[in-house]
C-alpha atoms as a PDB file:
ATOM      1  CA  MET A   1       3.627 -13.903  24.953  1.00  0.00           C
ATOM      2  CA  ARG A   2       0.990 -10.834  25.908  1.00  0.00           C
ATOM      3  CA  VAL A   3       0.894  -8.407  22.904  1.00  0.00           C
ATOM      4  CA  VAL A   4      -1.476  -6.473  21.456  1.00  0.00           C
ATOM      5  CA  PHE A   5      -2.367  -5.791  17.941  1.00  0.00           C
ATOM      6  CA  ALA A   6      -2.311  -2.398  15.946  1.00  0.00           C
ATOM      7  CA  GLY A   7      -3.407  -1.708  12.278  1.00  0.00           C
ATOM      8  CA  THR A   8      -6.414  -0.734   9.930  1.00  0.00           C
ATOM      9  CA  PRO A   9      -6.898  -2.244   6.793  1.00  0.00           C
ATOM     10  CA  ASP A  10      -7.088  -5.137   5.107  1.00  0.00           C
ATOM     11  CA  VAL A  11      -3.999  -5.610   3.928  1.00  0.00           C
ATOM     12  CA  ALA A  12      -3.118  -5.702   8.424  1.00  0.00           C
ATOM     13  CA  LEU A  13      -5.855  -8.860   8.456  1.00  0.00           C
ATOM     14  CA  PRO A  14      -3.357 -11.598   7.256  1.00  0.00           C
ATOM     15  CA  SER A  15      -0.839 -10.853  10.402  1.00  0.00           C
ATOM     16  CA  LEU A  16      -3.925 -10.271  12.746  1.00  0.00           C
ATOM     17  CA  THR A  17      -5.107 -13.819  11.844  1.00  0.00           C
ATOM     18  CA  ALA A  18      -1.791 -15.389  12.019  1.00  0.00           C
ATOM     19  CA  LEU A  19      -0.978 -14.062  15.639  1.00  0.00           C
ATOM     20  CA  LEU A  20      -4.866 -15.229  16.671  1.00  0.00           C
ATOM     21  CA  GLU A  21      -2.945 -19.047  15.074  1.00  0.00           C
ATOM     22  CA  SER A  22       0.509 -18.592  16.999  1.00  0.00           C
ATOM     23  CA  ARG A  23       1.638 -19.376  20.488  1.00  0.00           C
ATOM     24  CA  HIS A  24       0.766 -15.789  21.140  1.00  0.00           C
ATOM     25  CA  GLN A  25      -2.025 -14.735  23.374  1.00  0.00           C
ATOM     26  CA  VAL A  26      -3.531 -11.594  21.217  1.00  0.00           C
ATOM     27  CA  VAL A  27      -5.168  -9.276  24.191  1.00  0.00           C
ATOM     28  CA  GLY A  28      -6.104  -6.673  22.876  1.00  0.00           C
ATOM     29  CA  ALA A  29      -6.072  -4.716  18.998  1.00  0.00           C
ATOM     30  CA  VAL A  30      -5.491  -1.008  18.583  1.00  0.00           C
ATOM     31  CA  THR A  31      -7.253   1.108  15.213  1.00  0.00           C
ATOM     32  CA  ARG A  32      -7.996   3.686  14.370  1.00  0.00           C
ATOM     33  CA  PRO A  33     -11.637   5.037  14.910  1.00  0.00           C
ATOM     34  CA  ASP A  34     -14.836   4.431  13.204  1.00  0.00           C
ATOM     35  CA  ALA A  35     -15.061   6.155   9.238  1.00  0.00           C
ATOM     36  CA  ARG A  36     -17.382   7.075   7.082  1.00  0.00           C
ATOM     37  CA  ALA A  37     -17.103   5.235   3.811  1.00  0.00           C
ATOM     38  CA  GLY A  38     -19.080   4.230   0.237  1.00  0.00           C
ATOM     39  CA  ARG A  39     -21.645   6.168  -1.262  1.00  0.00           C
ATOM     40  CA  GLY A  40     -23.781   6.825   1.786  1.00  0.00           C
ATOM     41  CA  ARG A  41     -20.846   7.864   4.056  1.00  0.00           C
ATOM     42  CA  ALA A  42     -22.149   5.553   6.523  1.00  0.00           C
ATOM     43  CA  LEU A  43     -19.765   5.699  10.443  1.00  0.00           C
ATOM     44  CA  THR A  44     -18.316   2.061   9.635  1.00  0.00           C
ATOM     45  CA  ALA A  45     -15.419   0.219  11.706  1.00  0.00           C
ATOM     46  CA  SER A  46     -11.628  -0.827  10.152  1.00  0.00           C
ATOM     47  CA  PRO A  47     -11.711  -4.506   8.712  1.00  0.00           C
ATOM     48  CA  VAL A  48      -9.256  -4.963  11.931  1.00  0.00           C
ATOM     49  CA  LYS A  49     -11.902  -3.894  13.867  1.00  0.00           C
ATOM     50  CA  GLN A  50     -14.213  -6.156  12.329  1.00  0.00           C
ATOM     51  CA  ALA A  51     -11.627  -9.082  12.648  1.00  0.00           C
ATOM     52  CA  ALA A  52     -10.504  -8.799  16.158  1.00  0.00           C
ATOM     53  CA  GLN A  53     -14.389  -8.126  17.737  1.00  0.00           C
ATOM     54  CA  ALA A  54     -15.568 -11.487  15.326  1.00  0.00           C
ATOM     55  CA  ALA A  55     -12.076 -13.012  17.347  1.00  0.00           C
ATOM     56  CA  GLY A  56     -13.880 -11.782  20.487  1.00  0.00           C
ATOM     57  CA  VAL A  57     -10.647  -9.789  21.275  1.00  0.00           C
ATOM     58  CA  GLU A  58     -10.968  -6.010  22.547  1.00  0.00           C
ATOM     59  CA  VAL A  59     -10.606  -3.287  20.531  1.00  0.00           C
ATOM     60  CA  LEU A  60      -9.293   0.429  21.503  1.00  0.00           C
ATOM     61  CA  THR A  61     -10.058   2.873  19.195  1.00  0.00           C
ATOM     62  CA  PRO A  62      -8.294   6.174  20.277  1.00  0.00           C
ATOM     63  CA  LEU A  63      -8.783   9.895  18.543  1.00  0.00           C
ATOM     64  CA  HIS A  64      -4.682   9.297  19.011  1.00  0.00           C
ATOM     65  CA  PRO A  65      -2.626   6.683  20.921  1.00  0.00           C
ATOM     66  CA  ARG A  66      -1.020   9.689  23.028  1.00  0.00           C
ATOM     67  CA  ASP A  67      -4.791  10.053  24.711  1.00  0.00           C
ATOM     68  CA  PRO A  68      -4.138   9.590  28.637  1.00  0.00           C
ATOM     69  CA  ASP A  69      -7.021   6.955  29.077  1.00  0.00           C
ATOM     70  CA  PHE A  70      -6.334   4.815  25.680  1.00  0.00           C
ATOM     71  CA  GLN A  71      -2.693   4.964  27.154  1.00  0.00           C
ATOM     72  CA  ALA A  72      -3.779   3.545  31.139  1.00  0.00           C
ATOM     73  CA  ARG A  73      -5.376   0.498  29.803  1.00  0.00           C
ATOM     74  CA  LEU A  74      -3.273  -0.340  27.323  1.00  0.00           C
ATOM     75  CA  ARG A  75      -0.862  -0.487  30.588  1.00  0.00           C
ATOM     76  CA  ASP A  76      -4.121  -2.675  32.091  1.00  0.00           C
ATOM     77  CA  LEU A  77      -3.466  -4.916  29.201  1.00  0.00           C
ATOM     78  CA  ALA A  78       0.146  -5.504  29.680  1.00  0.00           C
ATOM     79  CA  PRO A  79       1.249  -6.500  26.280  1.00  0.00           C
ATOM     80  CA  GLU A  80       4.598  -7.342  25.891  1.00  0.00           C
ATOM     81  CA  ALA A  81       5.085  -6.461  22.719  1.00  0.00           C
ATOM     82  CA  CYS A  82       2.659  -4.640  19.862  1.00  0.00           C
ATOM     83  CA  PRO A  83       2.890  -5.652  16.389  1.00  0.00           C
ATOM     84  CA  VAL A  84       2.071  -3.068  13.956  1.00  0.00           C
ATOM     85  CA  VAL A  85       0.874  -3.199  10.608  1.00  0.00           C
ATOM     86  CA  ALA A  86      -0.108  -0.069   8.541  1.00  0.00           C
ATOM     87  CA  TYR A  87      -2.022   1.443  12.042  1.00  0.00           C
ATOM     88  CA  GLY A  88      -2.210   4.750  10.474  1.00  0.00           C
ATOM     89  CA  ALA A  89      -0.950   7.053  12.936  1.00  0.00           C
ATOM     90  CA  LEU A  90       2.414   8.397  15.190  1.00  0.00           C
ATOM     91  CA  LEU A  91       3.174   6.354  18.356  1.00  0.00           C
ATOM     92  CA  PRO A  92       4.020   9.274  20.969  1.00  0.00           C
ATOM     93  CA  GLN A  93       6.868   8.043  22.914  1.00  0.00           C
ATOM     94  CA  SER A  94       4.713   7.762  26.250  1.00  0.00           C
ATOM     95  CA  ALA A  95       3.288   4.866  24.235  1.00  0.00           C
ATOM     96  CA  LEU A  96       5.945   3.168  22.460  1.00  0.00           C
ATOM     97  CA  ASP A  97       7.591   2.685  26.016  1.00  0.00           C
ATOM     98  CA  ILE A  98       4.618   0.924  27.047  1.00  0.00           C
ATOM     99  CA  PRO A  99       5.769  -2.628  26.538  1.00  0.00           C
ATOM    100  CA  ARG A 100       8.715  -3.878  27.947  1.00  0.00           C
ATOM    101  CA  HIS A 101       9.597  -5.194  23.880  1.00  0.00           C
ATOM    102  CA  GLY A 102       8.501  -1.963  22.158  1.00  0.00           C
ATOM    103  CA  TRP A 103       6.082  -2.056  19.403  1.00  0.00           C
ATOM    104  CA  ILE A 104       7.393  -4.187  16.536  1.00  0.00           C
ATOM    105  CA  ASN A 105       6.591  -3.533  12.907  1.00  0.00           C
ATOM    106  CA  LEU A 106       5.544  -5.105   9.771  1.00  0.00           C
ATOM    107  CA  HIS A 107       7.139  -2.362   6.852  1.00  0.00           C
ATOM    108  CA  PHE A 108       6.453  -3.858   3.522  1.00  0.00           C
ATOM    109  CA  SER A 109      10.397  -2.841   1.953  1.00  0.00           C
ATOM    110  CA  LEU A 110      13.484  -3.855   2.630  1.00  0.00           C
ATOM    111  CA  LEU A 111      14.879  -1.270   5.362  1.00  0.00           C
ATOM    112  CA  PRO A 112      16.299   1.127   5.101  1.00  0.00           C
ATOM    113  CA  ALA A 113      14.328   1.416   1.319  1.00  0.00           C
ATOM    114  CA  TRP A 114      11.610   3.207   0.930  1.00  0.00           C
ATOM    115  CA  ARG A 115      10.741   4.249   4.255  1.00  0.00           C
ATOM    116  CA  GLY A 116       7.778   5.693   4.812  1.00  0.00           C
ATOM    117  CA  ALA A 117       3.454   5.382   3.763  1.00  0.00           C
ATOM    118  CA  ALA A 118       3.544   4.662   0.384  1.00  0.00           C
ATOM    119  CA  PRO A 119       6.614   1.993  -0.120  1.00  0.00           C
ATOM    120  CA  VAL A 120       5.218  -0.630  -2.692  1.00  0.00           C
ATOM    121  CA  GLN A 121       3.842   2.260  -4.597  1.00  0.00           C
ATOM    122  CA  ARG A 122       7.194   4.136  -4.812  1.00  0.00           C
ATOM    123  CA  ALA A 123       8.930   0.159  -5.351  1.00  0.00           C
ATOM    124  CA  LEU A 124       6.796  -0.116  -8.949  1.00  0.00           C
ATOM    125  CA  MET A 125       7.616   3.441 -10.256  1.00  0.00           C
ATOM    126  CA  ALA A 126      11.202   3.226  -9.545  1.00  0.00           C
ATOM    127  CA  GLY A 127      11.080   0.582 -11.480  1.00  0.00           C
ATOM    128  CA  ASP A 128      12.740  -1.899  -8.950  1.00  0.00           C
ATOM    129  CA  THR A 129      12.887  -5.474  -9.675  1.00  0.00           C
ATOM    130  CA  VAL A 130      12.940  -7.034  -5.597  1.00  0.00           C
ATOM    131  CA  THR A 131      11.488  -5.687  -2.525  1.00  0.00           C
ATOM    132  CA  GLY A 132      10.484  -7.265   0.419  1.00  0.00           C
ATOM    133  CA  ALA A 133       9.168  -6.727   3.713  1.00  0.00           C
ATOM    134  CA  SER A 134      11.397  -5.753   7.300  1.00  0.00           C
ATOM    135  CA  THR A 135      10.219  -6.061  11.311  1.00  0.00           C
ATOM    136  CA  PHE A 136      11.889  -3.381  13.279  1.00  0.00           C
ATOM    137  CA  ARG A 137      11.542  -1.923  16.652  1.00  0.00           C
ATOM    138  CA  ILE A 138       9.682   1.469  16.811  1.00  0.00           C
ATOM    139  CA  GLU A 139      11.491   4.932  17.513  1.00  0.00           C
ATOM    140  CA  ALA A 140      11.011   8.351  17.133  1.00  0.00           C
ATOM    141  CA  GLY A 141      11.893   8.399  13.968  1.00  0.00           C
ATOM    142  CA  LEU A 142       9.895   7.551  10.304  1.00  0.00           C
ATOM    143  CA  ASP A 143      10.666   3.747   9.918  1.00  0.00           C
ATOM    144  CA  THR A 144      14.134   4.265  11.119  1.00  0.00           C
ATOM    145  CA  GLY A 145      14.534   2.024  13.916  1.00  0.00           C
ATOM    146  CA  PRO A 146      16.304  -1.452  14.359  1.00  0.00           C
ATOM    147  CA  VAL A 147      15.802  -4.405  12.437  1.00  0.00           C
ATOM    148  CA  PHE A 148      14.782  -7.589  12.997  1.00  0.00           C
ATOM    149  CA  GLY A 149      14.374  -9.491  10.077  1.00  0.00           C
ATOM    150  CA  THR A 150      13.424  -8.700   6.180  1.00  0.00           C
ATOM    151  CA  MET A 151      12.271 -11.540   3.959  1.00  0.00           C
ATOM    152  CA  THR A 152      12.339 -10.941  -0.486  1.00  0.00           C
ATOM    153  CA  GLU A 153       9.663 -10.852  -2.666  1.00  0.00           C
ATOM    154  CA  ALA A 154      10.242 -10.862  -6.718  1.00  0.00           C
ATOM    155  CA  ILE A 155       8.006  -7.757  -8.701  1.00  0.00           C
ATOM    156  CA  ARG A 156       6.399  -8.749 -11.719  1.00  0.00           C
ATOM    157  CA  SER A 157       6.512  -7.361 -14.718  1.00  0.00           C
ATOM    158  CA  THR A 158       2.748  -7.176 -14.588  1.00  0.00           C
ATOM    159  CA  ASP A 159       2.356  -6.353 -10.698  1.00  0.00           C
ATOM    160  CA  THR A 160       0.392  -3.665  -9.551  1.00  0.00           C
ATOM    161  CA  ALA A 161       0.621  -2.042  -6.141  1.00  0.00           C
ATOM    162  CA  GLY A 162      -2.693  -4.233  -5.142  1.00  0.00           C
ATOM    163  CA  ASP A 163      -1.063  -6.946  -6.012  1.00  0.00           C
ATOM    164  CA  LEU A 164       2.001  -7.020  -4.843  1.00  0.00           C
ATOM    165  CA  LEU A 165       0.693  -5.624  -1.524  1.00  0.00           C
ATOM    166  CA  GLY A 166      -1.543  -8.249  -1.525  1.00  0.00           C
ATOM    167  CA  ARG A 167       1.359 -11.081  -1.805  1.00  0.00           C
ATOM    168  CA  LEU A 168       3.697  -8.599   0.622  1.00  0.00           C
ATOM    169  CA  ALA A 169       0.811  -8.788   3.454  1.00  0.00           C
ATOM    170  CA  ALA A 170       0.469 -12.450   3.600  1.00  0.00           C
ATOM    171  CA  ALA A 171       3.985 -13.290   3.537  1.00  0.00           C
ATOM    172  CA  GLY A 172       4.509 -10.628   5.608  1.00  0.00           C
ATOM    173  CA  ALA A 173       2.242 -12.312   8.696  1.00  0.00           C
ATOM    174  CA  GLY A 174       4.921 -14.796   9.095  1.00  0.00           C
ATOM    175  CA  LEU A 175       7.963 -13.138   9.347  1.00  0.00           C
ATOM    176  CA  LEU A 176       5.752 -11.055  12.018  1.00  0.00           C
ATOM    177  CA  VAL A 177       4.791 -13.610  13.992  1.00  0.00           C
ATOM    178  CA  ALA A 178       8.726 -15.564  13.747  1.00  0.00           C
ATOM    179  CA  THR A 179      10.462 -12.369  14.670  1.00  0.00           C
ATOM    180  CA  LEU A 180       7.379 -12.733  17.549  1.00  0.00           C
ATOM    181  CA  ASP A 181       8.802 -15.884  18.266  1.00  0.00           C
ATOM    182  CA  GLY A 182      12.505 -15.633  18.376  1.00  0.00           C
ATOM    183  CA  ILE A 183      12.096 -11.970  20.648  1.00  0.00           C
ATOM    184  CA  GLU A 184      10.041 -14.419  23.312  1.00  0.00           C
ATOM    185  CA  ASP A 185      12.614 -16.849  23.001  1.00  0.00           C
ATOM    186  CA  GLY A 186      15.992 -14.357  23.082  1.00  0.00           C
ATOM    187  CA  THR A 187      16.893 -15.524  19.739  1.00  0.00           C
ATOM    188  CA  LEU A 188      16.194 -12.626  17.778  1.00  0.00           C
ATOM    189  CA  ALA A 189      18.524  -9.732  18.608  1.00  0.00           C
ATOM    190  CA  ALA A 190      17.616  -6.165  16.792  1.00  0.00           C
ATOM    191  CA  ARG A 191      20.081  -4.715  14.488  1.00  0.00           C
ATOM    192  CA  PRO A 192      20.918  -0.885  13.512  1.00  0.00           C
ATOM    193  CA  GLN A 193      19.824   0.108   9.884  1.00  0.00           C
ATOM    194  CA  SER A 194      22.565   0.759   7.208  1.00  0.00           C
ATOM    195  CA  HIS A 195      23.148   4.163   6.358  1.00  0.00           C
ATOM    196  CA  ASP A 196      23.388   3.771   2.794  1.00  0.00           C
ATOM    197  CA  GLY A 197      20.414   3.241   0.222  1.00  0.00           C
ATOM    198  CA  VAL A 198      17.707   5.051   2.501  1.00  0.00           C
ATOM    199  CA  SER A 199      14.808   6.131   0.562  1.00  0.00           C
ATOM    200  CA  HIS A 200      11.804   8.128   1.023  1.00  0.00           C
ATOM    201  CA  ALA A 201       7.937   7.002   0.019  1.00  0.00           C
ATOM    202  CA  PRO A 202       5.754   9.786   1.141  1.00  0.00           C
ATOM    203  CA  LYS A 203       2.476   9.109   0.406  1.00  0.00           C
ATOM    204  CA  LEU A 204       0.837   9.248  -3.126  1.00  0.00           C
ATOM    205  CA  THR A 205      -0.475  12.827  -4.139  1.00  0.00           C
ATOM    206  CA  VAL A 206      -3.877  12.809  -6.694  1.00  0.00           C
ATOM    207  CA  ALA A 207      -1.696  15.067  -8.512  1.00  0.00           C
ATOM    208  CA  GLU A 208       1.467  12.427  -9.007  1.00  0.00           C
ATOM    209  CA  ALA A 209      -1.587   9.785 -10.326  1.00  0.00           C
ATOM    210  CA  GLN A 210      -1.878  11.870 -13.404  1.00  0.00           C
ATOM    211  CA  VAL A 211      -0.413  10.138 -16.007  1.00  0.00           C
ATOM    212  CA  ARG A 212       2.385  12.300 -18.301  1.00  0.00           C
ATOM    213  CA  TRP A 213       2.066  10.838 -22.204  1.00  0.00           C
ATOM    214  CA  ASP A 214       5.417  12.753 -23.031  1.00  0.00           C
ATOM    215  CA  HIS A 215       7.291  10.334 -20.975  1.00  0.00           C
ATOM    216  CA  PRO A 216       8.726   6.671 -22.263  1.00  0.00           C
ATOM    217  CA  ALA A 217       5.906   4.333 -22.350  1.00  0.00           C
ATOM    218  CA  PHE A 218       8.415   2.597 -19.524  1.00  0.00           C
ATOM    219  CA  ALA A 219       7.362   5.208 -17.046  1.00  0.00           C
ATOM    220  CA  VAL A 220       3.779   5.586 -17.594  1.00  0.00           C
ATOM    221  CA  ASP A 221       3.621   1.841 -17.223  1.00  0.00           C
ATOM    222  CA  ARG A 222       5.462   2.372 -14.383  1.00  0.00           C
ATOM    223  CA  LEU A 223       3.491   5.311 -12.739  1.00  0.00           C
ATOM    224  CA  VAL A 224       0.021   3.676 -13.414  1.00  0.00           C
ATOM    225  CA  ARG A 225       1.099  -0.186 -11.939  1.00  0.00           C
ATOM    226  CA  GLY A 226       2.458   2.441  -8.971  1.00  0.00           C
ATOM    227  CA  CYS A 227      -1.145   3.963  -8.362  1.00  0.00           C
ATOM    228  CA  THR A 228      -3.375   0.890  -8.842  1.00  0.00           C
ATOM    229  CA  PRO A 229      -5.488   0.812  -7.081  1.00  0.00           C
ATOM    230  CA  ASP A 230      -4.649   3.448  -5.182  1.00  0.00           C
ATOM    231  CA  PRO A 231      -4.870   6.675  -5.912  1.00  0.00           C
ATOM    232  CA  GLY A 232      -5.729   5.225  -9.032  1.00  0.00           C
ATOM    233  CA  ALA A 233      -4.129   6.473 -12.302  1.00  0.00           C
ATOM    234  CA  TRP A 234      -5.746   9.701 -14.016  1.00  0.00           C
ATOM    235  CA  THR A 235      -5.543  11.724 -17.316  1.00  0.00           C
ATOM    236  CA  THR A 236      -8.521  13.945 -19.372  1.00  0.00           C
ATOM    237  CA  PHE A 237     -10.084  13.403 -22.458  1.00  0.00           C
ATOM    238  CA  ARG A 238     -12.059  16.899 -23.282  1.00  0.00           C
ATOM    239  CA  GLY A 239     -11.948  18.653 -20.469  1.00  0.00           C
ATOM    240  CA  GLN A 240     -12.779  15.082 -18.021  1.00  0.00           C
ATOM    241  CA  ARG A 241     -10.918  13.737 -16.400  1.00  0.00           C
ATOM    242  CA  VAL A 242     -10.730   9.375 -16.582  1.00  0.00           C
ATOM    243  CA  ALA A 243      -9.157   6.524 -14.515  1.00  0.00           C
ATOM    244  CA  LEU A 244      -7.383   4.605 -16.146  1.00  0.00           C
ATOM    245  CA  GLY A 245      -6.224   0.492 -15.315  1.00  0.00           C
ATOM    246  CA  PRO A 246      -2.764  -0.817 -16.078  1.00  0.00           C
ATOM    247  CA  VAL A 247      -1.094  -0.334 -19.516  1.00  0.00           C
ATOM    248  CA  SER A 248       0.445  -2.839 -21.884  1.00  0.00           C
ATOM    249  CA  LEU A 249       3.997  -2.630 -23.818  1.00  0.00           C
ATOM    250  CA  PHE A 250       4.607  -3.304 -27.547  1.00  0.00           C
ATOM    251  CA  THR A 251       7.461  -5.635 -28.085  1.00  0.00           C
ATOM    252  CA  HIS A 252       6.547  -4.836 -32.165  1.00  0.00           C
ATOM    253  CA  ASP A 253       4.532  -3.872 -34.603  1.00  0.00           C
ATOM    254  CA  ALA A 254       3.802  -0.621 -32.790  1.00  0.00           C
ATOM    255  CA  PRO A 255       2.237   2.537 -34.798  1.00  0.00           C
ATOM    256  CA  SER A 256       4.039   5.502 -34.650  1.00  0.00           C
ATOM    257  CA  LEU A 257       1.954   8.297 -32.748  1.00  0.00           C
ATOM    258  CA  PRO A 258       2.997  11.242 -30.659  1.00  0.00           C
ATOM    259  CA  PRO A 259       2.362  11.769 -27.331  1.00  0.00           C
ATOM    260  CA  GLY A 260      -1.335  11.290 -25.192  1.00  0.00           C
ATOM    261  CA  ARG A 261      -2.953  10.485 -29.253  1.00  0.00           C
ATOM    262  CA  LEU A 262      -5.660   8.240 -29.207  1.00  0.00           C
ATOM    263  CA  LEU A 263      -5.501   5.314 -31.766  1.00  0.00           C
ATOM    264  CA  ALA A 264      -8.969   3.420 -31.708  1.00  0.00           C
ATOM    265  CA  ASP A 265     -11.015   0.374 -33.468  1.00  0.00           C
ATOM    266  CA  LYS A 266     -13.361  -2.235 -32.368  1.00  0.00           C
ATOM    267  CA  LYS A 267     -11.277  -4.208 -30.262  1.00  0.00           C
ATOM    268  CA  SER A 268      -8.246  -1.822 -28.817  1.00  0.00           C
ATOM    269  CA  VAL A 269      -7.427   1.476 -27.796  1.00  0.00           C
ATOM    270  CA  VAL A 270      -3.657   2.297 -28.501  1.00  0.00           C
ATOM    271  CA  VAL A 271      -2.357   5.948 -26.947  1.00  0.00           C
ATOM    272  CA  GLY A 272       1.275   7.387 -27.777  1.00  0.00           C
ATOM    273  CA  THR A 273       4.387   8.356 -25.721  1.00  0.00           C
ATOM    274  CA  ALA A 274       7.654   9.843 -25.939  1.00  0.00           C
ATOM    275  CA  THR A 275       9.105   6.522 -26.577  1.00  0.00           C
ATOM    276  CA  GLY A 276       6.171   4.604 -28.638  1.00  0.00           C
ATOM    277  CA  PRO A 277       2.470   3.707 -27.557  1.00  0.00           C
ATOM    278  CA  VAL A 278       0.896   1.583 -25.178  1.00  0.00           C
ATOM    279  CA  LEU A 279      -2.136  -0.373 -25.514  1.00  0.00           C
ATOM    280  CA  LEU A 280      -4.971   1.097 -22.785  1.00  0.00           C
ATOM    281  CA  SER A 281      -6.672  -1.992 -20.610  1.00  0.00           C
ATOM    282  CA  THR A 282     -10.458   0.036 -19.124  1.00  0.00           C
ATOM    283  CA  VAL A 283     -11.086   3.191 -18.730  1.00  0.00           C
ATOM    284  CA  ARG A 284     -13.533   4.937 -16.195  1.00  0.00           C
ATOM    285  CA  PRO A 285     -14.762   7.761 -16.892  1.00  0.00           C
ATOM    286  CA  GLN A 286     -16.302  10.839 -14.103  1.00  0.00           C
ATOM    287  CA  GLY A 287     -18.983   9.811 -12.384  1.00  0.00           C
ATOM    288  CA  LYS A 288     -19.591   6.340 -13.896  1.00  0.00           C
ATOM    289  CA  LYS A 289     -18.387   2.598 -13.912  1.00  0.00           C
ATOM    290  CA  GLU A 290     -15.044   1.228 -15.012  1.00  0.00           C
ATOM    291  CA  MET A 291     -14.916  -0.278 -18.772  1.00  0.00           C
ATOM    292  CA  ALA A 292     -12.832  -1.824 -21.489  1.00  0.00           C
ATOM    293  CA  ALA A 293     -11.432   0.911 -22.980  1.00  0.00           C
ATOM    294  CA  ALA A 294     -12.505  -0.208 -26.222  1.00  0.00           C
ATOM    295  CA  ASP A 295     -15.856   0.124 -25.175  1.00  0.00           C
ATOM    296  CA  TRP A 296     -15.663   3.507 -23.926  1.00  0.00           C
ATOM    297  CA  ALA A 297     -14.098   4.700 -27.395  1.00  0.00           C
ATOM    298  CA  ARG A 298     -16.959   3.544 -29.157  1.00  0.00           C
ATOM    299  CA  GLY A 299     -18.817   5.716 -26.935  1.00  0.00           C
ATOM    300  CA  VAL A 300     -17.503   8.855 -27.016  1.00  0.00           C
ATOM    301  CA  ARG A 301     -16.690   7.962 -30.959  1.00  0.00           C
ATOM    302  CA  ILE A 302     -12.934   9.445 -30.860  1.00  0.00           C
ATOM    303  CA  ASP A 303     -11.868  11.694 -33.229  1.00  0.00           C
ATOM    304  CA  VAL A 304      -8.559  11.713 -35.902  1.00  0.00           C
ATOM    305  CA  GLY A 305      -5.990  13.707 -34.046  1.00  0.00           C
ATOM    306  CA  GLU A 306      -8.035  13.584 -30.981  1.00  0.00           C
ATOM    307  CA  ASP A 307      -5.132  13.721 -27.906  1.00  0.00           C
ATOM    308  CA  LEU A 308      -5.583  12.576 -23.734  1.00  0.00           C
ATOM    309  CA  GLY A 309      -4.136  14.729 -21.517  1.00  0.00           C
ATOM    310  CA  GLY A 310      -5.292  17.645 -23.419  1.00  0.00           C
END
């Protein structure tokens, strides 16, 4: 089947690779325009653009998919389906109507749960123990289209959003190819999503990533893991923002500390929460590199009674 792949970041690469190695013919790739990145703010091609060009695949980078020239070229490429993974732009109906089998999206949740831009982060923050991926046909609503197939993935107690997304991207690539196989063979039909169990996963804001030390320890742990690596959990110390890596929960012999109170020794840094302390792993002060929490504490010389978040 002739397909045009749509995707932008690294998480889309396993699916692009799987499609290139499948029986389907990838005749084009759609991705977001080059964007400024890095310290030098140089214009940088998306990971999908770089990979597609390396494979000799034509790349389309419309400012918006409603662009008439883009849609005309897409019609010329004559895809029968357009598989999508994290493309990053809303598709107008005029674009959705071009491929005969539509645009088939790989979404990293078990729909109808966690519709939206941040399903993996929201699942971790909510304390879900199982998540997965779904393939569905894109329609006008936000992740509301009929579902072709799903796969499940256990959420581990130490998973960050980056860890979990990496596993889902790798396993989901196989689901996406299998979905296209079934569509081409006529053996797979999409089923409407249930009206029960709907939840939404809007993109995380920087404000949401601020750690609230007056929350329970388990909630602090979930928030930090859900915000790692993006947008990054943070707190303040002496009026300056500091980024935090994943924290560890105590199982026994935990010191008693009020919320936000710091306790440091040569090897560790502990912070109080509403229910018990957590152990910091890494800290990145504003404008500096990430470092072990104990190294940071030695450098700033924490005073007795000092707090995070104050």
